[in-house]
Amino acid sequence: MSPRVLYVRLPCNPIFPVGVVYLADYIHKQLPSVEQRIFDLGTVPPLDFRRALAQVIEEFQPTHLVFSWRDIQIYAPVGGRGGNPLQNAFEVYYARNPLVKLRGAIGGLRVMSAYYGELWRNLNLIRLGLHHAKRHHPEVTTIVGGGAVSVFYEQLGSQLPKGTIVSVGEGETLLHKVLTHQPIGGERCYIAGVEKPRDR
């Protein structure tokens, strides 16, 4: 059976999915017989994430799931998606007014809840996608990469489903090797639950 690659871009800020498009273009040029589809969860309302992901997997029935996790940025010093952590911290530590301190503490809790909420949501979407894909192809290959993974690969690996290939940095040659059944030992990756990531 010809490989069928479904690229799932996990929800993030509304930015053009350059990485996924580049990866799909590379595979198309190297292996034109491989069927590919890009599914951008950033274009789906949050309440429909799970249903939409299950539906696209049911329709396409991929043999390979490639998740692109672009960012984990809400602890950014200024204006993350959950609020402004730097302002919250300054209010908690330096404000003289107890109400301002309280506002900073509540803002900090909001940032933390948004941060962990996004982590759990994306990890659950990966698990859900794998669960649905295994109904059609029990040996489905799962790869997770992207900017967030390249930065937090050590921390995320222990939370991903066992057997998931964790891609660090550019993933073109890794995916090419996976699709052509070549060893991936020389690539910047590791298998979650099986191997430990290399230092640096």
N, C-alpha and C. Protein backbone atom coordinates (compact mmCIF):
# COMPACT_ATOMS: atom_id res chain seq x y z
N MET A 1 0.84 -1.19 0.00
CA MET A 1 0.00 0.00 0.00
C MET A 1 0.88 1.25 0.00
N SER A 2 0.50 2.21 -0.82
CA SER A 2 1.26 3.47 -0.90
C SER A 2 1.09 4.25 0.40
N PRO A 3 2.16 4.85 0.91
CA PRO A 3 2.04 5.64 2.14
C PRO A 3 1.07 6.80 1.98
N ARG A 4 0.36 7.07 3.05
CA ARG A 4 -0.57 8.20 3.09
C ARG A 4 -0.19 9.04 4.31
N VAL A 5 0.30 10.24 4.06
CA VAL A 5 0.80 11.09 5.14
C VAL A 5 -0.21 12.19 5.44
N LEU A 6 -0.66 12.24 6.67
CA LEU A 6 -1.52 13.33 7.12
C LEU A 6 -0.71 14.23 8.03
N TYR A 7 -0.54 15.48 7.61
CA TYR A 7 0.13 16.48 8.43
C TYR A 7 -0.95 17.20 9.23
N VAL A 8 -0.82 17.18 10.54
CA VAL A 8 -1.77 17.87 11.40
C VAL A 8 -1.04 19.01 12.09
N ARG A 9 -1.43 20.22 11.75
CA ARG A 9 -0.84 21.38 12.40
C ARG A 9 -1.69 21.69 13.63
N LEU A 10 -1.08 21.53 14.79
CA LEU A 10 -1.80 21.76 16.04
C LEU A 10 -2.12 23.24 16.19
N PRO A 11 -3.18 23.58 16.94
CA PRO A 11 -3.62 24.98 17.04
C PRO A 11 -2.51 25.90 17.53
N CYS A 12 -2.41 27.06 16.90
CA CYS A 12 -1.43 28.06 17.31
C CYS A 12 -1.89 29.42 16.79
N ASN A 13 -1.05 30.42 16.96
CA ASN A 13 -1.38 31.75 16.45
C ASN A 13 -1.64 31.68 14.95
N PRO A 14 -2.49 32.56 14.42
CA PRO A 14 -2.81 32.52 12.99
C PRO A 14 -1.65 32.98 12.11
N ILE A 15 -0.75 32.05 11.83
CA ILE A 15 0.42 32.30 11.00
C ILE A 15 0.42 31.23 9.91
N PHE A 16 0.81 31.60 8.70
CA PHE A 16 0.84 30.64 7.59
C PHE A 16 1.71 29.44 7.97
N PRO A 17 1.25 28.22 7.71
CA PRO A 17 1.99 27.01 8.13
C PRO A 17 3.17 26.69 7.23
N VAL A 18 4.18 27.54 7.28
CA VAL A 18 5.34 27.41 6.39
C VAL A 18 6.02 26.05 6.54
N GLY A 19 6.29 25.63 7.79
CA GLY A 19 7.01 24.38 8.01
C GLY A 19 6.32 23.18 7.41
N VAL A 20 5.03 23.05 7.63
CA VAL A 20 4.27 21.90 7.12
C VAL A 20 4.23 21.93 5.59
N VAL A 21 4.01 23.10 5.02
CA VAL A 21 3.94 23.22 3.57
C VAL A 21 5.30 22.87 2.95
N TYR A 22 6.37 23.34 3.57
CA TYR A 22 7.71 23.05 3.06
C TYR A 22 7.99 21.54 3.13
N LEU A 23 7.60 20.91 4.22
CA LEU A 23 7.81 19.48 4.40
C LEU A 23 7.03 18.69 3.35
N ALA A 24 5.77 19.05 3.16
CA ALA A 24 4.94 18.35 2.17
C ALA A 24 5.49 18.55 0.75
N ASP A 25 5.98 19.75 0.46
CA ASP A 25 6.55 20.02 -0.86
C ASP A 25 7.81 19.18 -1.08
N TYR A 26 8.65 19.08 -0.05
CA TYR A 26 9.88 18.28 -0.15
C TYR A 26 9.54 16.82 -0.44
N ILE A 27 8.59 16.27 0.30
CA ILE A 27 8.21 14.86 0.10
C ILE A 27 7.59 14.68 -1.28
N HIS A 28 6.79 15.64 -1.72
CA HIS A 28 6.17 15.53 -3.05
C HIS A 28 7.24 15.47 -4.15
N LYS A 29 8.29 16.27 -3.99
CA LYS A 29 9.36 16.28 -5.00
C LYS A 29 10.21 15.02 -4.95
N GLN A 30 10.44 14.49 -3.74
CA GLN A 30 11.28 13.30 -3.59
C GLN A 30 10.52 12.01 -3.83
N LEU A 31 9.27 11.97 -3.36
CA LEU A 31 8.46 10.75 -3.43
C LEU A 31 7.06 11.10 -3.96
N PRO A 32 6.93 11.38 -5.25
CA PRO A 32 5.65 11.87 -5.77
C PRO A 32 4.48 10.88 -5.65
N SER A 33 4.78 9.62 -5.43
CA SER A 33 3.68 8.64 -5.30
C SER A 33 3.02 8.67 -3.92
N VAL A 34 3.64 9.34 -2.95
CA VAL A 34 3.09 9.39 -1.59
C VAL A 34 1.90 10.33 -1.57
N GLU A 35 0.78 9.83 -1.08
CA GLU A 35 -0.40 10.69 -0.91
C GLU A 35 -0.23 11.52 0.35
N GLN A 36 -0.55 12.82 0.25
CA GLN A 36 -0.36 13.72 1.38
C GLN A 36 -1.59 14.60 1.55
N ARG A 37 -1.80 14.99 2.79
CA ARG A 37 -2.87 15.94 3.09
C ARG A 37 -2.44 16.78 4.29
N ILE A 38 -2.72 18.09 4.22
CA ILE A 38 -2.43 18.99 5.34
C ILE A 38 -3.75 19.37 5.99
N PHE A 39 -3.79 19.22 7.30
CA PHE A 39 -4.98 19.61 8.07
C PHE A 39 -4.54 20.60 9.14
N ASP A 40 -5.01 21.82 9.03
CA ASP A 40 -4.61 22.90 9.93
C ASP A 40 -5.70 23.12 10.98
N LEU A 41 -5.43 22.70 12.21
CA LEU A 41 -6.40 22.89 13.28
C LEU A 41 -6.55 24.36 13.67
N GLY A 42 -5.62 25.21 13.22
CA GLY A 42 -5.75 26.63 13.46
C GLY A 42 -6.91 27.26 12.72
N THR A 43 -7.48 26.55 11.76
CA THR A 43 -8.63 27.05 11.00
C THR A 43 -9.95 26.50 11.52
N VAL A 44 -9.89 25.75 12.61
CA VAL A 44 -11.08 25.08 13.15
C VAL A 44 -11.43 25.73 14.50
N PRO A 45 -12.72 25.97 14.77
CA PRO A 45 -13.10 26.50 16.08
C PRO A 45 -12.71 25.52 17.19
N PRO A 46 -12.23 26.03 18.34
CA PRO A 46 -11.74 25.14 19.41
C PRO A 46 -12.72 24.05 19.85
N LEU A 47 -13.99 24.34 19.87
CA LEU A 47 -14.95 23.31 20.30
C LEU A 47 -15.06 22.16 19.30
N ASP A 48 -14.56 22.37 18.08
CA ASP A 48 -14.66 21.34 17.03
C ASP A 48 -13.34 20.60 16.79
N PHE A 49 -12.29 20.89 17.57
CA PHE A 49 -10.98 20.27 17.32
C PHE A 49 -11.08 18.75 17.24
N ARG A 50 -11.64 18.14 18.26
CA ARG A 50 -11.65 16.68 18.35
C ARG A 50 -12.48 16.06 17.23
N ARG A 51 -13.65 16.61 16.99
CA ARG A 51 -14.53 16.07 15.95
C ARG A 51 -13.88 16.22 14.57
N ALA A 52 -13.31 17.39 14.30
CA ALA A 52 -12.71 17.64 12.99
C ALA A 52 -11.50 16.73 12.75
N LEU A 53 -10.68 16.53 13.78
CA LEU A 53 -9.52 15.66 13.64
C LEU A 53 -9.95 14.23 13.38
N ALA A 54 -10.93 13.75 14.14
CA ALA A 54 -11.43 12.39 13.93
C ALA A 54 -12.00 12.23 12.52
N GLN A 55 -12.70 13.24 12.04
CA GLN A 55 -13.32 13.18 10.72
C GLN A 55 -12.29 13.12 9.60
N VAL A 56 -11.25 13.96 9.68
CA VAL A 56 -10.25 13.96 8.62
C VAL A 56 -9.46 12.64 8.61
N ILE A 57 -9.21 12.08 9.78
CA ILE A 57 -8.51 10.78 9.84
C ILE A 57 -9.40 9.68 9.28
N GLU A 58 -10.68 9.73 9.59
CA GLU A 58 -11.63 8.74 9.07
C GLU A 58 -11.68 8.80 7.54
N GLU A 59 -11.67 10.00 7.00
CA GLU A 59 -11.76 10.17 5.54
C GLU A 59 -10.45 9.77 4.84
N PHE A 60 -9.32 10.20 5.38
CA PHE A 60 -8.04 10.03 4.69
C PHE A 60 -7.35 8.70 5.02
N GLN A 61 -7.58 8.17 6.22
CA GLN A 61 -7.01 6.91 6.68
C GLN A 61 -5.48 6.87 6.48
N PRO A 62 -4.76 7.74 7.19
CA PRO A 62 -3.31 7.84 6.98
C PRO A 62 -2.54 6.64 7.51
N THR A 63 -1.41 6.37 6.87
CA THR A 63 -0.47 5.37 7.39
C THR A 63 0.60 6.06 8.23
N HIS A 64 0.73 7.38 8.05
CA HIS A 64 1.71 8.19 8.80
C HIS A 64 1.03 9.47 9.27
N LEU A 65 1.14 9.73 10.55
CA LEU A 65 0.63 10.97 11.13
C LEU A 65 1.81 11.85 11.50
N VAL A 66 1.84 13.07 10.98
CA VAL A 66 2.91 14.00 11.29
C VAL A 66 2.28 15.22 11.95
N PHE A 67 2.54 15.39 13.24
CA PHE A 67 1.99 16.53 13.98
C PHE A 67 3.02 17.66 14.01
N SER A 68 2.56 18.84 13.67
CA SER A 68 3.41 20.03 13.74
C SER A 68 2.95 20.88 14.92
N TRP A 69 3.84 21.01 15.90
CA TRP A 69 3.53 21.78 17.11
C TRP A 69 4.41 23.01 17.07
N ARG A 70 3.84 24.12 16.64
CA ARG A 70 4.64 25.30 16.33
C ARG A 70 5.18 26.01 17.55
N ASP A 71 4.32 26.26 18.55
CA ASP A 71 4.82 27.07 19.66
C ASP A 71 4.19 26.74 21.00
N ILE A 72 4.98 26.99 22.02
CA ILE A 72 4.53 27.01 23.40
C ILE A 72 5.04 28.35 23.91
N GLN A 73 4.25 29.39 23.70
CA GLN A 73 4.78 30.74 23.87
C GLN A 73 4.07 31.57 24.92
N ILE A 74 3.13 31.03 25.65
CA ILE A 74 2.36 31.94 26.48
C ILE A 74 3.09 32.40 27.72
N TYR A 75 4.30 31.88 27.99
CA TYR A 75 5.12 32.46 29.06
C TYR A 75 6.04 33.54 28.51
N ALA A 76 5.82 33.94 27.26
CA ALA A 76 6.63 35.02 26.69
C ALA A 76 6.51 36.24 27.60
N PRO A 77 7.61 36.98 27.78
CA PRO A 77 7.61 38.07 28.77
C PRO A 77 6.52 39.11 28.57
N VAL A 78 6.13 39.37 27.33
CA VAL A 78 5.13 40.40 27.10
C VAL A 78 4.04 39.86 26.19
N GLY A 79 2.80 39.95 26.63
CA GLY A 79 1.65 39.70 25.77
C GLY A 79 1.51 38.30 25.23
N GLY A 80 1.72 37.27 26.04
CA GLY A 80 1.43 35.92 25.61
C GLY A 80 -0.07 35.72 25.48
N ARG A 81 -0.48 34.57 24.96
CA ARG A 81 -1.91 34.35 24.72
C ARG A 81 -2.70 34.33 26.02
N GLY A 82 -2.06 34.04 27.13
CA GLY A 82 -2.79 33.99 28.39
C GLY A 82 -2.75 35.29 29.18
N GLY A 83 -2.06 36.29 28.67
CA GLY A 83 -1.93 37.55 29.40
C GLY A 83 -0.48 38.01 29.39
N ASN A 84 -0.14 38.88 30.32
CA ASN A 84 1.20 39.45 30.36
C ASN A 84 1.91 38.98 31.63
N PRO A 85 2.69 37.89 31.56
CA PRO A 85 3.31 37.34 32.76
C PRO A 85 4.28 38.29 33.44
N LEU A 86 5.00 39.09 32.67
CA LEU A 86 5.95 40.01 33.26
C LEU A 86 5.24 41.06 34.12
N GLN A 87 4.17 41.60 33.58
CA GLN A 87 3.39 42.58 34.34
C GLN A 87 2.82 41.95 35.61
N ASN A 88 2.29 40.73 35.47
CA ASN A 88 1.73 40.03 36.63
C ASN A 88 2.78 39.84 37.72
N ALA A 89 3.98 39.43 37.32
CA ALA A 89 5.05 39.18 38.29
C ALA A 89 5.45 40.48 39.00
N PHE A 90 5.57 41.57 38.25
CA PHE A 90 5.93 42.84 38.87
C PHE A 90 4.85 43.31 39.84
N GLU A 91 3.58 43.09 39.47
CA GLU A 91 2.50 43.50 40.38
C GLU A 91 2.54 42.69 41.66
N VAL A 92 2.79 41.40 41.56
CA VAL A 92 2.82 40.56 42.76
C VAL A 92 3.99 40.94 43.66
N TYR A 93 5.15 41.15 43.09
CA TYR A 93 6.35 41.37 43.89
C TYR A 93 6.55 42.82 44.34
N TYR A 94 6.09 43.79 43.56
CA TYR A 94 6.47 45.17 43.86
C TYR A 94 5.32 46.13 44.15
N ALA A 95 4.10 45.73 43.85
CA ALA A 95 2.98 46.65 44.10
C ALA A 95 2.76 46.84 45.60
N ARG A 96 2.47 48.06 45.98
CA ARG A 96 2.19 48.34 47.39
C ARG A 96 0.71 48.15 47.71
N ASN A 97 -0.10 48.35 46.70
CA ASN A 97 -1.54 48.20 46.88
C ASN A 97 -1.90 46.71 46.87
N PRO A 98 -2.54 46.21 47.94
CA PRO A 98 -2.89 44.77 47.99
C PRO A 98 -3.83 44.35 46.87
N LEU A 99 -4.67 45.26 46.40
CA LEU A 99 -5.57 44.90 45.31
C LEU A 99 -4.80 44.71 43.99
N VAL A 100 -3.78 45.51 43.80
CA VAL A 100 -2.94 45.35 42.60
C VAL A 100 -2.15 44.04 42.70
N LYS A 101 -1.66 43.72 43.92
CA LYS A 101 -0.97 42.43 44.13
C LYS A 101 -1.91 41.27 43.79
N LEU A 102 -3.15 41.39 44.26
CA LEU A 102 -4.14 40.34 44.01
C LEU A 102 -4.41 40.22 42.50
N ARG A 103 -4.54 41.37 41.83
CA ARG A 103 -4.75 41.34 40.38
C ARG A 103 -3.59 40.63 39.68
N GLY A 104 -2.35 40.92 40.10
CA GLY A 104 -1.19 40.25 39.51
C GLY A 104 -1.20 38.76 39.76
N ALA A 105 -1.59 38.35 40.97
CA ALA A 105 -1.64 36.91 41.31
C ALA A 105 -2.70 36.20 40.47
N ILE A 106 -3.87 36.83 40.34
CA ILE A 106 -4.94 36.22 39.52
C ILE A 106 -4.50 36.14 38.06
N GLY A 107 -3.84 37.21 37.58
CA GLY A 107 -3.33 37.18 36.21
C GLY A 107 -2.31 36.08 36.01
N GLY A 108 -1.43 35.88 37.01
CA GLY A 108 -0.45 34.80 36.93
C GLY A 108 -1.10 33.43 36.87
N LEU A 109 -2.16 33.25 37.66
CA LEU A 109 -2.88 31.97 37.62
C LEU A 109 -3.54 31.75 36.27
N ARG A 110 -4.04 32.83 35.67
CA ARG A 110 -4.64 32.71 34.34
C ARG A 110 -3.60 32.28 33.30
N VAL A 111 -2.41 32.87 33.39
CA VAL A 111 -1.33 32.51 32.46
C VAL A 111 -0.97 31.04 32.63
N MET A 112 -0.83 30.60 33.89
CA MET A 112 -0.49 29.19 34.13
C MET A 112 -1.57 28.25 33.63
N SER A 113 -2.83 28.59 33.88
CA SER A 113 -3.91 27.71 33.44
C SER A 113 -3.98 27.66 31.91
N ALA A 114 -3.74 28.80 31.25
CA ALA A 114 -3.73 28.80 29.78
C ALA A 114 -2.57 27.96 29.25
N TYR A 115 -1.40 28.10 29.89
CA TYR A 115 -0.21 27.36 29.47
C TYR A 115 -0.44 25.85 29.59
N TYR A 116 -0.86 25.41 30.77
CA TYR A 116 -1.08 23.97 30.95
C TYR A 116 -2.27 23.47 30.16
N GLY A 117 -3.28 24.32 30.00
CA GLY A 117 -4.43 23.93 29.18
C GLY A 117 -4.03 23.65 27.74
N GLU A 118 -3.17 24.51 27.17
CA GLU A 118 -2.71 24.28 25.80
C GLU A 118 -1.85 23.02 25.70
N LEU A 119 -0.98 22.81 26.67
CA LEU A 119 -0.16 21.59 26.66
C LEU A 119 -1.04 20.35 26.67
N TRP A 120 -1.97 20.28 27.63
CA TRP A 120 -2.83 19.10 27.75
C TRP A 120 -3.70 18.93 26.52
N ARG A 121 -4.22 20.05 25.98
CA ARG A 121 -5.07 19.96 24.79
C ARG A 121 -4.30 19.36 23.62
N ASN A 122 -3.08 19.87 23.36
CA ASN A 122 -2.31 19.37 22.22
C ASN A 122 -1.87 17.93 22.41
N LEU A 123 -1.45 17.58 23.62
CA LEU A 123 -1.08 16.18 23.88
C LEU A 123 -2.27 15.26 23.70
N ASN A 124 -3.44 15.70 24.13
CA ASN A 124 -4.65 14.89 23.94
C ASN A 124 -5.05 14.78 22.48
N LEU A 125 -4.84 15.84 21.70
CA LEU A 125 -5.13 15.77 20.27
C LEU A 125 -4.21 14.78 19.58
N ILE A 126 -2.95 14.73 19.99
CA ILE A 126 -2.02 13.74 19.41
C ILE A 126 -2.47 12.33 19.76
N ARG A 127 -2.82 12.11 21.03
CA ARG A 127 -3.29 10.78 21.45
C ARG A 127 -4.57 10.39 20.72
N LEU A 128 -5.49 11.34 20.58
CA LEU A 128 -6.75 11.08 19.88
C LEU A 128 -6.50 10.74 18.42
N GLY A 129 -5.62 11.51 17.77
CA GLY A 129 -5.32 11.23 16.36
C GLY A 129 -4.72 9.85 16.17
N LEU A 130 -3.80 9.49 17.05
CA LEU A 130 -3.19 8.16 16.98
C LEU A 130 -4.22 7.06 17.19
N HIS A 131 -5.10 7.28 18.16
CA HIS A 131 -6.15 6.29 18.46
C HIS A 131 -7.04 6.05 17.23
N HIS A 132 -7.47 7.13 16.58
CA HIS A 132 -8.35 6.99 15.41
C HIS A 132 -7.60 6.38 14.23
N ALA A 133 -6.34 6.79 14.03
CA ALA A 133 -5.58 6.26 12.89
C ALA A 133 -5.31 4.77 13.03
N LYS A 134 -5.12 4.30 14.27
CA LYS A 134 -4.84 2.87 14.49
C LYS A 134 -6.04 1.99 14.15
N ARG A 135 -7.21 2.55 14.10
CA ARG A 135 -8.38 1.76 13.69
C ARG A 135 -8.24 1.29 12.26
N HIS A 136 -7.60 2.09 11.42
CA HIS A 136 -7.44 1.75 10.01
C HIS A 136 -6.10 1.10 9.72
N HIS A 137 -5.05 1.56 10.42
CA HIS A 137 -3.70 1.03 10.22
C HIS A 137 -3.05 0.87 11.59
N PRO A 138 -3.13 -0.33 12.18
CA PRO A 138 -2.59 -0.53 13.53
C PRO A 138 -1.11 -0.17 13.67
N GLU A 139 -0.36 -0.22 12.57
CA GLU A 139 1.07 0.09 12.62
C GLU A 139 1.36 1.53 12.19
N VAL A 140 0.39 2.41 12.32
CA VAL A 140 0.59 3.80 11.89
C VAL A 140 1.82 4.40 12.57
N THR A 141 2.58 5.16 11.80
CA THR A 141 3.76 5.84 12.32
C THR A 141 3.37 7.25 12.73
N THR A 142 3.79 7.67 13.91
CA THR A 142 3.50 9.01 14.39
C THR A 142 4.80 9.77 14.59
N ILE A 143 4.86 10.96 14.00
CA ILE A 143 6.01 11.85 14.17
C ILE A 143 5.49 13.17 14.71
N VAL A 144 6.17 13.71 15.71
CA VAL A 144 5.81 15.02 16.26
C VAL A 144 7.04 15.91 16.14
N GLY A 145 6.85 17.07 15.52
CA GLY A 145 7.95 18.01 15.36
C GLY A 145 7.42 19.43 15.39
N GLY A 146 8.26 20.37 15.04
CA GLY A 146 7.87 21.78 15.03
C GLY A 146 8.68 22.56 16.05
N GLY A 147 8.47 23.87 16.04
CA GLY A 147 9.24 24.75 16.89
C GLY A 147 9.16 24.42 18.36
N ALA A 148 7.95 24.13 18.86
CA ALA A 148 7.80 23.82 20.29
C ALA A 148 8.55 22.55 20.65
N VAL A 149 8.50 21.57 19.78
CA VAL A 149 9.16 20.29 20.05
C VAL A 149 10.68 20.46 20.00
N SER A 150 11.15 21.26 19.07
CA SER A 150 12.60 21.48 18.98
C SER A 150 13.16 22.15 20.22
N VAL A 151 12.34 22.96 20.89
CA VAL A 151 12.79 23.64 22.11
C VAL A 151 12.57 22.77 23.34
N PHE A 152 11.42 22.11 23.42
CA PHE A 152 11.04 21.36 24.62
C PHE A 152 11.04 19.85 24.39
N TYR A 153 11.91 19.36 23.50
CA TYR A 153 11.87 17.94 23.13
C TYR A 153 12.09 17.00 24.31
N GLU A 154 12.94 17.39 25.26
CA GLU A 154 13.19 16.50 26.40
C GLU A 154 11.96 16.40 27.30
N GLN A 155 11.30 17.52 27.53
CA GLN A 155 10.14 17.54 28.42
C GLN A 155 8.91 16.89 27.76
N LEU A 156 8.72 17.10 26.46
CA LEU A 156 7.52 16.58 25.80
C LEU A 156 7.61 15.08 25.55
N GLY A 157 8.81 14.56 25.34
CA GLY A 157 8.95 13.15 24.98
C GLY A 157 8.33 12.20 25.98
N SER A 158 8.43 12.52 27.26
CA SER A 158 7.89 11.62 28.27
C SER A 158 6.37 11.66 28.32
N GLN A 159 5.76 12.63 27.67
CA GLN A 159 4.30 12.74 27.71
C GLN A 159 3.63 12.28 26.42
N LEU A 160 4.43 12.00 25.40
CA LEU A 160 3.88 11.56 24.12
C LEU A 160 3.65 10.05 24.15
N PRO A 161 2.74 9.55 23.29
CA PRO A 161 2.52 8.10 23.24
C PRO A 161 3.80 7.34 22.91
N LYS A 162 3.97 6.21 23.54
CA LYS A 162 5.16 5.38 23.32
C LYS A 162 5.26 5.03 21.84
N GLY A 163 6.47 5.16 21.29
CA GLY A 163 6.69 4.86 19.89
C GLY A 163 6.63 6.07 18.98
N THR A 164 6.20 7.20 19.51
CA THR A 164 6.17 8.43 18.72
C THR A 164 7.60 8.87 18.40
N ILE A 165 7.85 9.19 17.15
CA ILE A 165 9.15 9.72 16.77
C ILE A 165 9.15 11.22 17.05
N VAL A 166 10.06 11.66 17.89
CA VAL A 166 10.17 13.07 18.26
C VAL A 166 11.26 13.68 17.39
N SER A 167 10.86 14.59 16.50
CA SER A 167 11.77 15.22 15.55
C SER A 167 12.25 16.55 16.10
N VAL A 168 13.57 16.72 16.13
CA VAL A 168 14.18 17.96 16.62
C VAL A 168 14.80 18.69 15.44
N GLY A 169 14.38 19.92 15.19
CA GLY A 169 14.90 20.67 14.05
C GLY A 169 14.17 20.31 12.77
N GLU A 170 14.86 20.48 11.65
CA GLU A 170 14.26 20.21 10.34
C GLU A 170 13.96 18.71 10.20
N GLY A 171 12.80 18.39 9.60
CA GLY A 171 12.38 16.99 9.55
C GLY A 171 12.31 16.37 8.18
N GLU A 172 12.81 17.06 7.15
CA GLU A 172 12.66 16.54 5.79
C GLU A 172 13.34 15.19 5.60
N THR A 173 14.63 15.10 5.95
CA THR A 173 15.34 13.84 5.72
C THR A 173 14.82 12.74 6.64
N LEU A 174 14.40 13.11 7.85
CA LEU A 174 13.83 12.11 8.76
C LEU A 174 12.58 11.50 8.15
N LEU A 175 11.65 12.33 7.68
CA LEU A 175 10.41 11.81 7.11
C LEU A 175 10.70 11.01 5.85
N HIS A 176 11.63 11.46 5.03
CA HIS A 176 11.99 10.71 3.82
C HIS A 176 12.49 9.32 4.19
N LYS A 177 13.34 9.23 5.22
CA LYS A 177 13.85 7.93 5.64
C LYS A 177 12.74 7.05 6.21
N VAL A 178 11.83 7.64 6.98
CA VAL A 178 10.72 6.85 7.53
C VAL A 178 9.87 6.29 6.40
N LEU A 179 9.57 7.12 5.40
CA LEU A 179 8.71 6.69 4.30
C LEU A 179 9.38 5.67 3.39
N THR A 180 10.71 5.67 3.36
CA THR A 180 11.43 4.72 2.51
C THR A 180 12.05 3.58 3.33
N HIS A 181 11.64 3.46 4.59
CA HIS A 181 12.05 2.37 5.48
C HIS A 181 13.57 2.30 5.67
N GLN A 182 14.21 3.45 5.79
CA GLN A 182 15.63 3.51 6.07
C GLN A 182 15.85 3.73 7.57
N PRO A 183 17.01 3.33 8.09
CA PRO A 183 17.29 3.58 9.52
C PRO A 183 17.35 5.09 9.78
N ILE A 184 16.84 5.49 10.95
CA ILE A 184 16.80 6.92 11.29
C ILE A 184 17.80 7.28 12.39
N GLY A 185 18.71 6.36 12.70
CA GLY A 185 19.64 6.57 13.80
C GLY A 185 20.49 7.82 13.69
N GLY A 186 20.82 8.25 12.48
CA GLY A 186 21.66 9.43 12.32
C GLY A 186 20.92 10.74 12.33
N GLU A 187 19.60 10.68 12.43
CA GLU A 187 18.79 11.91 12.39
C GLU A 187 18.65 12.50 13.79
N ARG A 188 18.28 13.77 13.84
CA ARG A 188 18.05 14.44 15.12
C ARG A 188 16.65 14.10 15.60
N CYS A 189 16.54 12.94 16.22
CA CYS A 189 15.23 12.48 16.69
C CYS A 189 15.45 11.39 17.74
N TYR A 190 14.38 11.03 18.40
CA TYR A 190 14.39 9.85 19.27
C TYR A 190 12.97 9.32 19.36
N ILE A 191 12.84 8.10 19.86
CA ILE A 191 11.52 7.47 19.93
C ILE A 191 11.04 7.53 21.37
N ALA A 192 9.92 8.21 21.57
CA ALA A 192 9.36 8.41 22.91
C ALA A 192 9.05 7.08 23.58
N GLY A 193 9.45 6.96 24.84
CA GLY A 193 9.19 5.76 25.61
C GLY A 193 10.11 4.61 25.31
N VAL A 194 11.01 4.77 24.34
CA VAL A 194 11.94 3.71 23.95
C VAL A 194 13.38 4.18 24.14
N GLU A 195 13.66 5.40 23.70
CA GLU A 195 15.01 5.96 23.78
C GLU A 195 14.98 7.24 24.61
N LYS A 196 16.14 7.62 25.07
CA LYS A 196 16.28 8.92 25.73
C LYS A 196 16.88 9.90 24.74
N PRO A 197 16.47 11.16 24.80
CA PRO A 197 17.06 12.14 23.87
C PRO A 197 18.54 12.34 24.17
N ARG A 198 19.28 12.57 23.11
CA ARG A 198 20.71 12.90 23.30
C ARG A 198 20.85 14.27 23.90
N ASP A 199 21.91 14.47 24.66
CA ASP A 199 22.19 15.79 25.23
C ASP A 199 22.44 16.81 24.13
N ARG A 200 21.84 17.98 24.29
CA ARG A 200 22.02 19.09 23.36
C ARG A 200 21.79 18.66 21.92
